Amino acid sequence: MARNTPPQPSLEPSDRRQDILNAALACATVHGVEAISIEGLREHCNASVGSIYHHFGSKEGVVAALFFAILADQSRSMQAHLDASQGAEGGVRALVSSYLEWVESQPHNARFLFQARSPVAAGPRAAELALAAQQRNQTLVAWFEPHRQTGAVRALPCALMPSLVMGPVQSYCRAWLSAPDALPPPSTYRTELANAAWRAVRASNRAP
């Protein structure tokens, strides 16, 4: 995996706005999110300063726009896997597997999500981030509720379920993205992480 080569993000077809987002991801991949600058973007994609401000308003606007585009791509991927799953256990395993697959196949995008979350939360689109997180959580809560009612999963508040399922896998992926040469890739532990997620939420009278 070429970790130091500026990536081509898996977003929408190229146009001036997309060129700027591509440049931001390339810069963040090599130097980190904090290194993104208007001048650096201009040099990387030959966009005028006026064009950057026209599309995004500020450097923070570029970072936020890229963050939300990548987050939407990740959410679509996970939702597709969840929709195709069968039963409570199948859904839990699908959530874990889809997250691992997405992170491992798009490490530059995944690393950007982790790095940019705090800057976006402190910026002008903080309310939008909070709403996106709430909506994403509500989608999972709505999926868990019928399984909780039938006794397939534990009688816990559904709002707790996403954290129990996704917490460990997100923690490992964050560690791997920080030191990819020091840790095995996330898919190495797919079974262990999926088993742990299912044990965390399955009803106690269910077999492991």
N, C-alpha and C. Protein backbone atom coordinates (compact mmCIF):
# COMPACT_ATOMS: atom_id res chain seq x y z
N MET A 1 0.85 -1.20 0.00
CA MET A 1 0.00 0.00 0.00
C MET A 1 0.88 1.24 0.00
N ALA A 2 0.67 2.13 -0.96
CA ALA A 2 1.49 3.34 -1.06
C ALA A 2 0.95 4.40 -0.13
N ARG A 3 1.56 4.52 1.06
CA ARG A 3 1.01 5.40 2.08
C ARG A 3 1.50 6.82 1.95
N ASN A 4 2.58 7.05 1.20
CA ASN A 4 3.12 8.39 1.10
C ASN A 4 2.83 9.05 -0.24
N THR A 5 2.08 8.36 -1.10
CA THR A 5 1.73 8.91 -2.40
C THR A 5 0.40 9.63 -2.29
N PRO A 6 0.34 10.88 -2.72
CA PRO A 6 -0.94 11.60 -2.66
C PRO A 6 -2.04 10.81 -3.34
N PRO A 7 -3.14 10.53 -2.64
CA PRO A 7 -4.19 9.65 -3.17
C PRO A 7 -5.16 10.36 -4.08
N GLN A 8 -5.92 9.56 -4.77
CA GLN A 8 -7.06 10.06 -5.53
C GLN A 8 -8.30 9.62 -4.78
N PRO A 9 -8.99 10.48 -4.08
CA PRO A 9 -10.12 10.08 -3.25
C PRO A 9 -11.28 9.56 -4.08
N SER A 10 -12.02 8.63 -3.47
CA SER A 10 -13.14 8.01 -4.18
C SER A 10 -14.40 8.83 -3.98
N LEU A 11 -14.39 10.04 -4.52
CA LEU A 11 -15.55 10.92 -4.39
C LEU A 11 -16.20 11.07 -5.76
N GLU A 12 -16.60 12.27 -6.15
CA GLU A 12 -17.33 12.46 -7.39
C GLU A 12 -16.37 12.82 -8.54
N PRO A 13 -16.85 12.72 -9.79
CA PRO A 13 -15.99 13.03 -10.93
C PRO A 13 -15.39 14.43 -10.84
N SER A 14 -14.24 14.60 -11.49
CA SER A 14 -13.45 15.82 -11.34
C SER A 14 -14.14 17.05 -11.91
N ASP A 15 -14.07 18.14 -11.17
CA ASP A 15 -14.39 19.48 -11.61
C ASP A 15 -13.54 20.40 -10.75
N ARG A 16 -13.69 21.71 -10.89
CA ARG A 16 -12.83 22.62 -10.14
C ARG A 16 -13.00 22.42 -8.63
N ARG A 17 -14.24 22.32 -8.18
CA ARG A 17 -14.48 22.10 -6.76
C ARG A 17 -13.84 20.79 -6.30
N GLN A 18 -14.02 19.74 -7.11
CA GLN A 18 -13.46 18.45 -6.74
C GLN A 18 -11.93 18.47 -6.78
N ASP A 19 -11.36 19.22 -7.73
CA ASP A 19 -9.91 19.35 -7.78
C ASP A 19 -9.37 19.91 -6.46
N ILE A 20 -10.07 20.87 -5.91
CA ILE A 20 -9.63 21.48 -4.66
C ILE A 20 -9.73 20.48 -3.51
N LEU A 21 -10.81 19.70 -3.49
CA LEU A 21 -10.95 18.67 -2.45
C LEU A 21 -9.87 17.61 -2.59
N ASN A 22 -9.57 17.22 -3.83
CA ASN A 22 -8.49 16.25 -4.05
C ASN A 22 -7.16 16.78 -3.53
N ALA A 23 -6.92 18.06 -3.78
CA ALA A 23 -5.68 18.68 -3.31
C ALA A 23 -5.62 18.70 -1.80
N ALA A 24 -6.75 18.97 -1.16
CA ALA A 24 -6.79 18.99 0.30
C ALA A 24 -6.49 17.62 0.88
N LEU A 25 -7.05 16.58 0.29
CA LEU A 25 -6.79 15.23 0.78
C LEU A 25 -5.34 14.83 0.57
N ALA A 26 -4.78 15.20 -0.58
CA ALA A 26 -3.39 14.90 -0.86
C ALA A 26 -2.47 15.58 0.15
N CYS A 27 -2.75 16.83 0.46
CA CYS A 27 -1.95 17.58 1.42
C CYS A 27 -2.07 16.97 2.81
N ALA A 28 -3.30 16.64 3.22
CA ALA A 28 -3.51 16.06 4.54
C ALA A 28 -2.85 14.70 4.67
N THR A 29 -2.83 13.93 3.58
CA THR A 29 -2.23 12.61 3.62
C THR A 29 -0.73 12.68 3.89
N VAL A 30 -0.08 13.64 3.29
CA VAL A 30 1.37 13.76 3.42
C VAL A 30 1.77 14.54 4.67
N HIS A 31 1.05 15.62 4.96
CA HIS A 31 1.50 16.54 6.00
C HIS A 31 0.54 16.69 7.19
N GLY A 32 -0.67 16.12 7.08
CA GLY A 32 -1.65 16.27 8.15
C GLY A 32 -2.65 17.37 7.85
N VAL A 33 -3.80 17.29 8.49
CA VAL A 33 -4.88 18.25 8.23
C VAL A 33 -4.47 19.67 8.53
N GLU A 34 -3.69 19.87 9.59
CA GLU A 34 -3.31 21.21 10.00
C GLU A 34 -2.45 21.91 8.95
N ALA A 35 -1.83 21.12 8.06
CA ALA A 35 -0.95 21.71 7.05
C ALA A 35 -1.72 22.24 5.84
N ILE A 36 -3.00 21.96 5.74
CA ILE A 36 -3.78 22.46 4.61
C ILE A 36 -3.84 23.98 4.67
N SER A 37 -3.53 24.62 3.54
CA SER A 37 -3.57 26.08 3.47
C SER A 37 -4.13 26.51 2.12
N ILE A 38 -4.62 27.71 2.05
CA ILE A 38 -5.15 28.22 0.79
C ILE A 38 -4.05 28.26 -0.27
N GLU A 39 -2.89 28.73 0.12
CA GLU A 39 -1.78 28.81 -0.84
C GLU A 39 -1.35 27.43 -1.30
N GLY A 40 -1.30 26.49 -0.38
CA GLY A 40 -0.93 25.13 -0.76
C GLY A 40 -1.94 24.51 -1.70
N LEU A 41 -3.20 24.74 -1.48
CA LEU A 41 -4.24 24.23 -2.37
C LEU A 41 -4.11 24.86 -3.75
N ARG A 42 -3.86 26.16 -3.77
CA ARG A 42 -3.73 26.86 -5.05
C ARG A 42 -2.58 26.28 -5.86
N GLU A 43 -1.46 26.04 -5.22
CA GLU A 43 -0.30 25.51 -5.92
C GLU A 43 -0.52 24.08 -6.39
N HIS A 44 -1.22 23.31 -5.58
CA HIS A 44 -1.37 21.88 -5.89
C HIS A 44 -2.31 21.64 -7.06
N CYS A 45 -3.39 22.42 -7.16
CA CYS A 45 -4.37 22.12 -8.20
C CYS A 45 -4.57 23.27 -9.19
N ASN A 46 -3.69 24.28 -9.11
CA ASN A 46 -3.75 25.41 -10.03
C ASN A 46 -5.08 26.16 -9.98
N ALA A 47 -5.73 26.12 -8.83
CA ALA A 47 -6.96 26.89 -8.65
C ALA A 47 -6.60 28.28 -8.16
N SER A 48 -7.35 29.26 -8.56
CA SER A 48 -7.10 30.61 -8.07
C SER A 48 -7.59 30.72 -6.62
N VAL A 49 -7.02 31.65 -5.90
CA VAL A 49 -7.47 31.90 -4.53
C VAL A 49 -8.96 32.25 -4.54
N GLY A 50 -9.36 33.04 -5.52
CA GLY A 50 -10.77 33.43 -5.63
C GLY A 50 -11.67 32.23 -5.82
N SER A 51 -11.21 31.26 -6.60
CA SER A 51 -12.01 30.06 -6.84
C SER A 51 -12.19 29.25 -5.56
N ILE A 52 -11.11 29.15 -4.79
CA ILE A 52 -11.19 28.40 -3.54
C ILE A 52 -12.18 29.05 -2.59
N TYR A 53 -12.07 30.38 -2.47
CA TYR A 53 -13.00 31.09 -1.58
C TYR A 53 -14.43 31.04 -2.12
N HIS A 54 -14.57 31.07 -3.43
CA HIS A 54 -15.90 31.01 -4.02
C HIS A 54 -16.60 29.71 -3.68
N HIS A 55 -15.89 28.60 -3.76
CA HIS A 55 -16.49 27.29 -3.53
C HIS A 55 -16.64 26.95 -2.05
N PHE A 56 -15.70 27.41 -1.23
CA PHE A 56 -15.66 26.92 0.14
C PHE A 56 -15.63 28.01 1.22
N GLY A 57 -15.33 29.23 0.85
CA GLY A 57 -15.37 30.31 1.82
C GLY A 57 -14.12 30.49 2.65
N SER A 58 -13.41 29.39 2.94
CA SER A 58 -12.23 29.46 3.79
C SER A 58 -11.52 28.11 3.76
N LYS A 59 -10.34 28.07 4.36
CA LYS A 59 -9.64 26.80 4.51
C LYS A 59 -10.49 25.83 5.32
N GLU A 60 -11.11 26.33 6.39
CA GLU A 60 -11.97 25.49 7.22
C GLU A 60 -13.14 24.94 6.43
N GLY A 61 -13.61 25.73 5.47
CA GLY A 61 -14.69 25.27 4.62
C GLY A 61 -14.27 24.12 3.73
N VAL A 62 -13.03 24.16 3.24
CA VAL A 62 -12.51 23.06 2.43
C VAL A 62 -12.44 21.79 3.26
N VAL A 63 -11.86 21.90 4.45
CA VAL A 63 -11.71 20.74 5.33
C VAL A 63 -13.08 20.14 5.65
N ALA A 64 -14.04 20.99 5.97
CA ALA A 64 -15.38 20.50 6.33
C ALA A 64 -16.06 19.84 5.14
N ALA A 65 -15.95 20.44 3.96
CA ALA A 65 -16.59 19.87 2.77
C ALA A 65 -16.03 18.49 2.46
N LEU A 66 -14.72 18.34 2.56
CA LEU A 66 -14.10 17.05 2.31
C LEU A 66 -14.51 16.05 3.38
N PHE A 67 -14.55 16.48 4.62
CA PHE A 67 -14.96 15.60 5.72
C PHE A 67 -16.36 15.05 5.47
N PHE A 68 -17.31 15.91 5.14
CA PHE A 68 -18.68 15.46 4.96
C PHE A 68 -18.83 14.57 3.72
N ALA A 69 -18.06 14.85 2.68
CA ALA A 69 -18.13 14.00 1.48
C ALA A 69 -17.63 12.59 1.79
N ILE A 70 -16.53 12.50 2.52
CA ILE A 70 -15.98 11.18 2.87
C ILE A 70 -16.90 10.47 3.85
N LEU A 71 -17.43 11.20 4.82
CA LEU A 71 -18.34 10.59 5.79
C LEU A 71 -19.57 10.01 5.11
N ALA A 72 -20.10 10.73 4.13
CA ALA A 72 -21.27 10.24 3.40
C ALA A 72 -20.94 8.97 2.63
N ASP A 73 -19.75 8.91 2.05
CA ASP A 73 -19.33 7.71 1.31
C ASP A 73 -19.23 6.53 2.27
N GLN A 74 -18.63 6.74 3.42
CA GLN A 74 -18.51 5.67 4.41
C GLN A 74 -19.88 5.21 4.87
N SER A 75 -20.77 6.13 5.14
CA SER A 75 -22.12 5.79 5.62
C SER A 75 -22.88 4.98 4.58
N ARG A 76 -22.77 5.35 3.31
CA ARG A 76 -23.45 4.60 2.25
C ARG A 76 -22.95 3.17 2.19
N SER A 77 -21.65 3.00 2.32
CA SER A 77 -21.07 1.66 2.26
C SER A 77 -21.57 0.80 3.40
N MET A 78 -21.56 1.35 4.62
CA MET A 78 -22.01 0.58 5.77
C MET A 78 -23.50 0.27 5.69
N GLN A 79 -24.29 1.23 5.23
CA GLN A 79 -25.73 1.01 5.14
C GLN A 79 -26.05 -0.07 4.12
N ALA A 80 -25.32 -0.11 3.02
CA ALA A 80 -25.56 -1.14 2.01
C ALA A 80 -25.31 -2.53 2.58
N HIS A 81 -24.25 -2.67 3.35
CA HIS A 81 -23.96 -3.96 3.97
C HIS A 81 -25.03 -4.32 5.00
N LEU A 82 -25.45 -3.34 5.77
CA LEU A 82 -26.47 -3.60 6.79
C LEU A 82 -27.79 -4.00 6.14
N ASP A 83 -28.16 -3.32 5.06
CA ASP A 83 -29.42 -3.64 4.37
C ASP A 83 -29.42 -5.05 3.79
N ALA A 84 -28.23 -5.54 3.45
CA ALA A 84 -28.13 -6.87 2.84
C ALA A 84 -27.99 -7.98 3.88
N SER A 85 -27.92 -7.64 5.14
CA SER A 85 -27.69 -8.63 6.19
C SER A 85 -28.99 -9.34 6.58
N GLN A 86 -28.82 -10.47 7.29
CA GLN A 86 -29.95 -11.26 7.75
C GLN A 86 -29.87 -11.41 9.26
N GLY A 87 -30.89 -10.96 9.97
CA GLY A 87 -30.97 -11.16 11.41
C GLY A 87 -30.07 -10.24 12.21
N ALA A 88 -30.22 -10.32 13.53
CA ALA A 88 -29.47 -9.43 14.42
C ALA A 88 -27.97 -9.71 14.36
N GLU A 89 -27.59 -10.96 14.49
CA GLU A 89 -26.17 -11.28 14.45
C GLU A 89 -25.56 -10.94 13.09
N GLY A 90 -26.28 -11.26 12.03
CA GLY A 90 -25.78 -10.94 10.70
C GLY A 90 -25.58 -9.45 10.52
N GLY A 91 -26.50 -8.64 11.07
CA GLY A 91 -26.36 -7.19 10.96
C GLY A 91 -25.18 -6.66 11.72
N VAL A 92 -24.98 -7.17 12.94
CA VAL A 92 -23.83 -6.74 13.74
C VAL A 92 -22.53 -7.08 13.03
N ARG A 93 -22.44 -8.28 12.52
CA ARG A 93 -21.22 -8.68 11.81
C ARG A 93 -21.04 -7.88 10.52
N ALA A 94 -22.13 -7.53 9.86
CA ALA A 94 -22.04 -6.72 8.65
C ALA A 94 -21.52 -5.32 8.97
N LEU A 95 -21.97 -4.74 10.07
CA LEU A 95 -21.48 -3.41 10.46
C LEU A 95 -19.98 -3.43 10.68
N VAL A 96 -19.51 -4.43 11.43
CA VAL A 96 -18.07 -4.52 11.72
C VAL A 96 -17.29 -4.76 10.44
N SER A 97 -17.72 -5.73 9.64
CA SER A 97 -16.98 -6.07 8.43
C SER A 97 -16.94 -4.92 7.44
N SER A 98 -18.08 -4.24 7.27
CA SER A 98 -18.11 -3.14 6.30
C SER A 98 -17.22 -2.00 6.73
N TYR A 99 -17.17 -1.72 8.02
CA TYR A 99 -16.30 -0.66 8.51
C TYR A 99 -14.84 -1.02 8.28
N LEU A 100 -14.47 -2.25 8.60
CA LEU A 100 -13.09 -2.70 8.39
C LEU A 100 -12.71 -2.62 6.91
N GLU A 101 -13.59 -3.10 6.05
CA GLU A 101 -13.30 -3.11 4.62
C GLU A 101 -13.13 -1.69 4.09
N TRP A 102 -14.00 -0.79 4.53
CA TRP A 102 -13.90 0.58 4.05
C TRP A 102 -12.61 1.24 4.50
N VAL A 103 -12.26 1.08 5.76
CA VAL A 103 -11.04 1.69 6.28
C VAL A 103 -9.81 1.13 5.57
N GLU A 104 -9.77 -0.18 5.42
CA GLU A 104 -8.58 -0.80 4.83
C GLU A 104 -8.46 -0.49 3.34
N SER A 105 -9.58 -0.32 2.66
CA SER A 105 -9.54 -0.03 1.22
C SER A 105 -9.32 1.46 0.95
N GLN A 106 -9.63 2.32 1.93
CA GLN A 106 -9.48 3.76 1.74
C GLN A 106 -8.79 4.38 2.97
N PRO A 107 -7.57 3.97 3.25
CA PRO A 107 -6.91 4.46 4.47
C PRO A 107 -6.70 5.96 4.49
N HIS A 108 -6.46 6.58 3.35
CA HIS A 108 -6.26 8.03 3.33
C HIS A 108 -7.55 8.75 3.75
N ASN A 109 -8.67 8.28 3.21
CA ASN A 109 -9.95 8.88 3.57
C ASN A 109 -10.27 8.63 5.05
N ALA A 110 -10.03 7.41 5.50
CA ALA A 110 -10.33 7.08 6.89
C ALA A 110 -9.48 7.90 7.85
N ARG A 111 -8.20 8.04 7.53
CA ARG A 111 -7.31 8.83 8.38
C ARG A 111 -7.76 10.30 8.42
N PHE A 112 -8.22 10.79 7.28
CA PHE A 112 -8.70 12.17 7.24
C PHE A 112 -9.91 12.34 8.16
N LEU A 113 -10.83 11.38 8.16
CA LEU A 113 -12.00 11.48 9.02
C LEU A 113 -11.60 11.61 10.49
N PHE A 114 -10.66 10.79 10.91
CA PHE A 114 -10.22 10.85 12.30
C PHE A 114 -9.53 12.18 12.59
N GLN A 115 -8.67 12.63 11.68
CA GLN A 115 -7.90 13.85 11.91
C GLN A 115 -8.77 15.11 11.85
N ALA A 116 -9.75 15.11 10.98
CA ALA A 116 -10.51 16.33 10.72
C ALA A 116 -11.73 16.50 11.62
N ARG A 117 -12.11 15.48 12.34
CA ARG A 117 -13.34 15.58 13.13
C ARG A 117 -13.27 16.73 14.14
N SER A 118 -12.17 16.84 14.85
CA SER A 118 -12.06 17.91 15.86
C SER A 118 -12.06 19.30 15.23
N PRO A 119 -11.28 19.54 14.16
CA PRO A 119 -11.35 20.85 13.52
C PRO A 119 -12.74 21.19 12.99
N VAL A 120 -13.44 20.21 12.43
CA VAL A 120 -14.79 20.47 11.93
C VAL A 120 -15.73 20.77 13.09
N ALA A 121 -15.57 20.03 14.19
CA ALA A 121 -16.43 20.24 15.36
C ALA A 121 -16.21 21.62 15.97
N ALA A 122 -15.03 22.19 15.74
CA ALA A 122 -14.73 23.52 16.29
C ALA A 122 -14.97 24.63 15.28
N GLY A 123 -15.41 24.27 14.08
CA GLY A 123 -15.56 25.26 13.01
C GLY A 123 -17.00 25.67 12.76
N PRO A 124 -17.21 26.37 11.66
CA PRO A 124 -18.54 26.93 11.38
C PRO A 124 -19.61 25.90 11.05
N ARG A 125 -19.21 24.67 10.76
CA ARG A 125 -20.19 23.63 10.43
C ARG A 125 -20.36 22.63 11.57
N ALA A 126 -20.06 23.08 12.78
CA ALA A 126 -20.16 22.20 13.95
C ALA A 126 -21.57 21.66 14.13
N ALA A 127 -22.56 22.51 13.94
CA ALA A 127 -23.95 22.07 14.11
C ALA A 127 -24.32 21.00 13.09
N GLU A 128 -23.81 21.15 11.87
CA GLU A 128 -24.08 20.16 10.83
C GLU A 128 -23.44 18.83 11.18
N LEU A 129 -22.23 18.87 11.76
CA LEU A 129 -21.57 17.63 12.18
C LEU A 129 -22.37 16.94 13.27
N ALA A 130 -22.84 17.72 14.24
CA ALA A 130 -23.63 17.14 15.32
C ALA A 130 -24.90 16.49 14.77
N LEU A 131 -25.53 17.16 13.80
CA LEU A 131 -26.75 16.62 13.21
C LEU A 131 -26.45 15.34 12.43
N ALA A 132 -25.35 15.32 11.68
CA ALA A 132 -24.98 14.13 10.91
C ALA A 132 -24.71 12.96 11.84
N ALA A 133 -24.01 13.21 12.94
CA ALA A 133 -23.74 12.15 13.90
C ALA A 133 -25.03 11.64 14.52
N GLN A 134 -25.93 12.56 14.83
CA GLN A 134 -27.21 12.18 15.43
C GLN A 134 -28.03 11.33 14.46
N GLN A 135 -28.07 11.74 13.20
CA GLN A 135 -28.85 10.99 12.21
C GLN A 135 -28.26 9.61 11.96
N ARG A 136 -26.93 9.55 11.92
CA ARG A 136 -26.28 8.25 11.71
C ARG A 136 -26.57 7.33 12.89
N ASN A 137 -26.51 7.86 14.09
CA ASN A 137 -26.79 7.07 15.28
C ASN A 137 -28.25 6.63 15.31
N GLN A 138 -29.15 7.53 14.92
CA GLN A 138 -30.56 7.19 14.93
C GLN A 138 -30.89 6.08 13.94
N THR A 139 -30.17 6.06 12.82
CA THR A 139 -30.38 4.99 11.84
C THR A 139 -30.05 3.63 12.45
N LEU A 140 -28.94 3.57 13.18
CA LEU A 140 -28.56 2.32 13.83
C LEU A 140 -29.51 1.98 14.97
N VAL A 141 -29.90 2.99 15.72
CA VAL A 141 -30.85 2.77 16.81
C VAL A 141 -32.15 2.17 16.27
N ALA A 142 -32.64 2.72 15.17
CA ALA A 142 -33.88 2.22 14.56
C ALA A 142 -33.72 0.79 14.09
N TRP A 143 -32.52 0.45 13.61
CA TRP A 143 -32.28 -0.93 13.17
C TRP A 143 -32.26 -1.88 14.36
N PHE A 144 -31.66 -1.47 15.47
CA PHE A 144 -31.55 -2.35 16.63
C PHE A 144 -32.88 -2.56 17.35
N GLU A 145 -33.76 -1.56 17.32
CA GLU A 145 -34.97 -1.61 18.15
C GLU A 145 -35.82 -2.86 17.93
N PRO A 146 -36.15 -3.26 16.70
CA PRO A 146 -36.95 -4.48 16.53
C PRO A 146 -36.26 -5.72 17.11
N HIS A 147 -34.93 -5.78 16.99
CA HIS A 147 -34.20 -6.94 17.51
C HIS A 147 -34.19 -6.92 19.04
N ARG A 148 -34.20 -5.75 19.61
CA ARG A 148 -34.30 -5.65 21.07
C ARG A 148 -35.67 -6.10 21.53
N GLN A 149 -36.69 -5.72 20.79
CA GLN A 149 -38.06 -6.07 21.16
C GLN A 149 -38.30 -7.58 21.07
N THR A 150 -37.66 -8.24 20.10
CA THR A 150 -37.84 -9.68 19.95
C THR A 150 -36.94 -10.48 20.87
N GLY A 151 -36.06 -9.82 21.59
CA GLY A 151 -35.16 -10.52 22.51
C GLY A 151 -33.90 -11.05 21.87
N ALA A 152 -33.62 -10.66 20.62
CA ALA A 152 -32.41 -11.13 19.96
C ALA A 152 -31.17 -10.44 20.51
N VAL A 153 -31.34 -9.21 20.97
CA VAL A 153 -30.22 -8.49 21.58
C VAL A 153 -30.63 -8.07 22.99
N ARG A 154 -29.67 -7.65 23.77
CA ARG A 154 -29.89 -7.33 25.17
C ARG A 154 -30.87 -6.18 25.36
N ALA A 155 -31.53 -6.19 26.49
CA ALA A 155 -32.50 -5.14 26.81
C ALA A 155 -31.76 -3.92 27.35
N LEU A 156 -30.97 -3.33 26.49
CA LEU A 156 -30.22 -2.12 26.81
C LEU A 156 -30.82 -0.95 26.05
N PRO A 157 -30.55 0.28 26.47
CA PRO A 157 -30.99 1.41 25.66
C PRO A 157 -30.40 1.30 24.26
N CYS A 158 -31.24 1.44 23.25
CA CYS A 158 -30.75 1.28 21.88
C CYS A 158 -29.68 2.31 21.54
N ALA A 159 -29.73 3.47 22.19
CA ALA A 159 -28.72 4.48 21.93
C ALA A 159 -27.33 4.02 22.30
N LEU A 160 -27.24 3.01 23.17
CA LEU A 160 -25.95 2.48 23.58
C LEU A 160 -25.39 1.48 22.59
N MET A 161 -26.26 0.86 21.80
CA MET A 161 -25.85 -0.24 20.93
C MET A 161 -24.75 0.13 19.93
N PRO A 162 -24.86 1.26 19.22
CA PRO A 162 -23.79 1.58 18.26
C PRO A 162 -22.41 1.68 18.89
N SER A 163 -22.33 2.23 20.10
CA SER A 163 -21.03 2.35 20.77
C SER A 163 -20.48 0.98 21.14
N LEU A 164 -21.36 0.09 21.61
CA LEU A 164 -20.91 -1.25 21.97
C LEU A 164 -20.42 -2.02 20.76
N VAL A 165 -21.11 -1.85 19.63
CA VAL A 165 -20.74 -2.58 18.42
C VAL A 165 -19.52 -1.98 17.74
N MET A 166 -19.51 -0.65 17.59
CA MET A 166 -18.49 -0.02 16.77
C MET A 166 -17.29 0.49 17.56
N GLY A 167 -17.41 0.63 18.86
CA GLY A 167 -16.31 1.18 19.64
C GLY A 167 -14.99 0.45 19.46
N PRO A 168 -14.95 -0.88 19.67
CA PRO A 168 -13.67 -1.60 19.54
C PRO A 168 -13.08 -1.55 18.13
N VAL A 169 -13.94 -1.70 17.10
CA VAL A 169 -13.40 -1.70 15.74
C VAL A 169 -12.87 -0.32 15.36
N GLN A 170 -13.55 0.74 15.79
CA GLN A 170 -13.04 2.08 15.52
C GLN A 170 -11.73 2.33 16.24
N SER A 171 -11.62 1.83 17.47
CA SER A 171 -10.39 2.01 18.24
C SER A 171 -9.21 1.33 17.55
N TYR A 172 -9.42 0.10 17.08
CA TYR A 172 -8.31 -0.60 16.42
C TYR A 172 -7.96 0.07 15.10
N CYS A 173 -8.96 0.47 14.35
CA CYS A 173 -8.68 1.11 13.06
C CYS A 173 -7.92 2.42 13.26
N ARG A 174 -8.27 3.17 14.28
CA ARG A 174 -7.55 4.41 14.56
C ARG A 174 -6.08 4.12 14.88
N ALA A 175 -5.85 3.08 15.68
CA ALA A 175 -4.47 2.72 16.02
C ALA A 175 -3.70 2.28 14.78
N TRP A 176 -4.33 1.49 13.92
CA TRP A 176 -3.66 1.02 12.70
C TRP A 176 -3.35 2.17 11.76
N LEU A 177 -4.29 3.10 11.61
CA LEU A 177 -4.06 4.24 10.73
C LEU A 177 -2.93 5.13 11.26
N SER A 178 -2.74 5.15 12.56
CA SER A 178 -1.66 5.95 13.15
C SER A 178 -0.30 5.28 12.97
N ALA A 179 -0.30 3.95 12.89
CA ALA A 179 0.98 3.22 12.77
C ALA A 179 0.76 1.98 11.92
N PRO A 180 0.50 2.15 10.61
CA PRO A 180 0.16 1.00 9.76
C PRO A 180 1.27 -0.02 9.59
N ASP A 181 2.51 0.39 9.80
CA ASP A 181 3.62 -0.55 9.67
C ASP A 181 3.86 -1.34 10.94
N ALA A 182 3.25 -0.91 12.03
CA ALA A 182 3.50 -1.54 13.33
C ALA A 182 2.40 -2.52 13.72
N LEU A 183 1.24 -2.45 13.06
CA LEU A 183 0.11 -3.29 13.42
C LEU A 183 -0.39 -4.05 12.20
N PRO A 184 -0.95 -5.25 12.41
CA PRO A 184 -1.58 -5.97 11.29
C PRO A 184 -2.78 -5.18 10.78
N PRO A 185 -3.11 -5.32 9.50
CA PRO A 185 -4.27 -4.61 8.96
C PRO A 185 -5.54 -5.04 9.66
N PRO A 186 -6.55 -4.18 9.70
CA PRO A 186 -7.77 -4.47 10.45
C PRO A 186 -8.44 -5.79 10.09
N SER A 187 -8.42 -6.16 8.81
CA SER A 187 -9.10 -7.39 8.40
C SER A 187 -8.51 -8.62 9.06
N THR A 188 -7.29 -8.53 9.57
CA THR A 188 -6.66 -9.66 10.27
C THR A 188 -7.53 -10.10 11.44
N TYR A 189 -8.18 -9.14 12.08
CA TYR A 189 -8.95 -9.42 13.28
C TYR A 189 -10.47 -9.28 13.04
N ARG A 190 -10.87 -9.48 11.80
CA ARG A 190 -12.29 -9.36 11.46
C ARG A 190 -13.15 -10.26 12.35
N THR A 191 -12.78 -11.52 12.44
CA THR A 191 -13.59 -12.47 13.21
C THR A 191 -13.61 -12.11 14.68
N GLU A 192 -12.44 -11.79 15.24
CA GLU A 192 -12.37 -11.46 16.67
C GLU A 192 -13.19 -10.21 16.99
N LEU A 193 -13.09 -9.19 16.14
CA LEU A 193 -13.82 -7.95 16.39
C LEU A 193 -15.33 -8.15 16.21
N ALA A 194 -15.71 -8.93 15.22
CA ALA A 194 -17.13 -9.20 15.01
C ALA A 194 -17.69 -10.04 16.16
N ASN A 195 -16.91 -11.02 16.62
CA ASN A 195 -17.35 -11.82 17.77
C ASN A 195 -17.53 -10.96 19.01
N ALA A 196 -16.59 -10.06 19.23
CA ALA A 196 -16.66 -9.18 20.40
C ALA A 196 -17.88 -8.27 20.32
N ALA A 197 -18.16 -7.76 19.13
CA ALA A 197 -19.32 -6.88 18.96
C ALA A 197 -20.61 -7.64 19.24
N TRP A 198 -20.70 -8.84 18.73
CA TRP A 198 -21.91 -9.62 18.93
C TRP A 198 -22.08 -10.02 20.40
N ARG A 199 -20.99 -10.42 21.05
CA ARG A 199 -21.07 -10.76 22.48
C ARG A 199 -21.53 -9.56 23.31
N ALA A 200 -21.17 -8.37 22.89
CA ALA A 200 -21.51 -7.16 23.65
C ALA A 200 -22.99 -6.87 23.65
N VAL A 201 -23.70 -7.33 22.60
CA VAL A 201 -25.12 -6.94 22.50
C VAL A 201 -26.08 -8.12 22.44
N ARG A 202 -25.60 -9.32 22.24
CA ARG A 202 -26.52 -10.45 22.11
C ARG A 202 -27.23 -10.73 23.44
N ALA A 203 -28.42 -11.25 23.34
CA ALA A 203 -29.17 -11.61 24.54
C ALA A 203 -28.43 -12.71 25.29
N SER A 204 -28.45 -12.66 26.60
CA SER A 204 -27.66 -13.58 27.41
C SER A 204 -28.09 -15.03 27.24
N ASN A 205 -29.33 -15.26 26.79
CA ASN A 205 -29.80 -16.63 26.62
C ASN A 205 -29.49 -17.19 25.24
N ARG A 206 -28.72 -16.41 24.46
CA ARG A 206 -28.35 -16.85 23.11
C ARG A 206 -26.99 -17.53 23.16
N ALA A 207 -26.80 -18.53 22.33
CA ALA A 207 -25.51 -19.20 22.27
C ALA A 207 -24.49 -18.27 21.68
N PRO A 208 -23.21 -18.40 22.09
CA PRO A 208 -22.16 -17.52 21.54
C PRO A 208 -22.05 -17.70 20.04
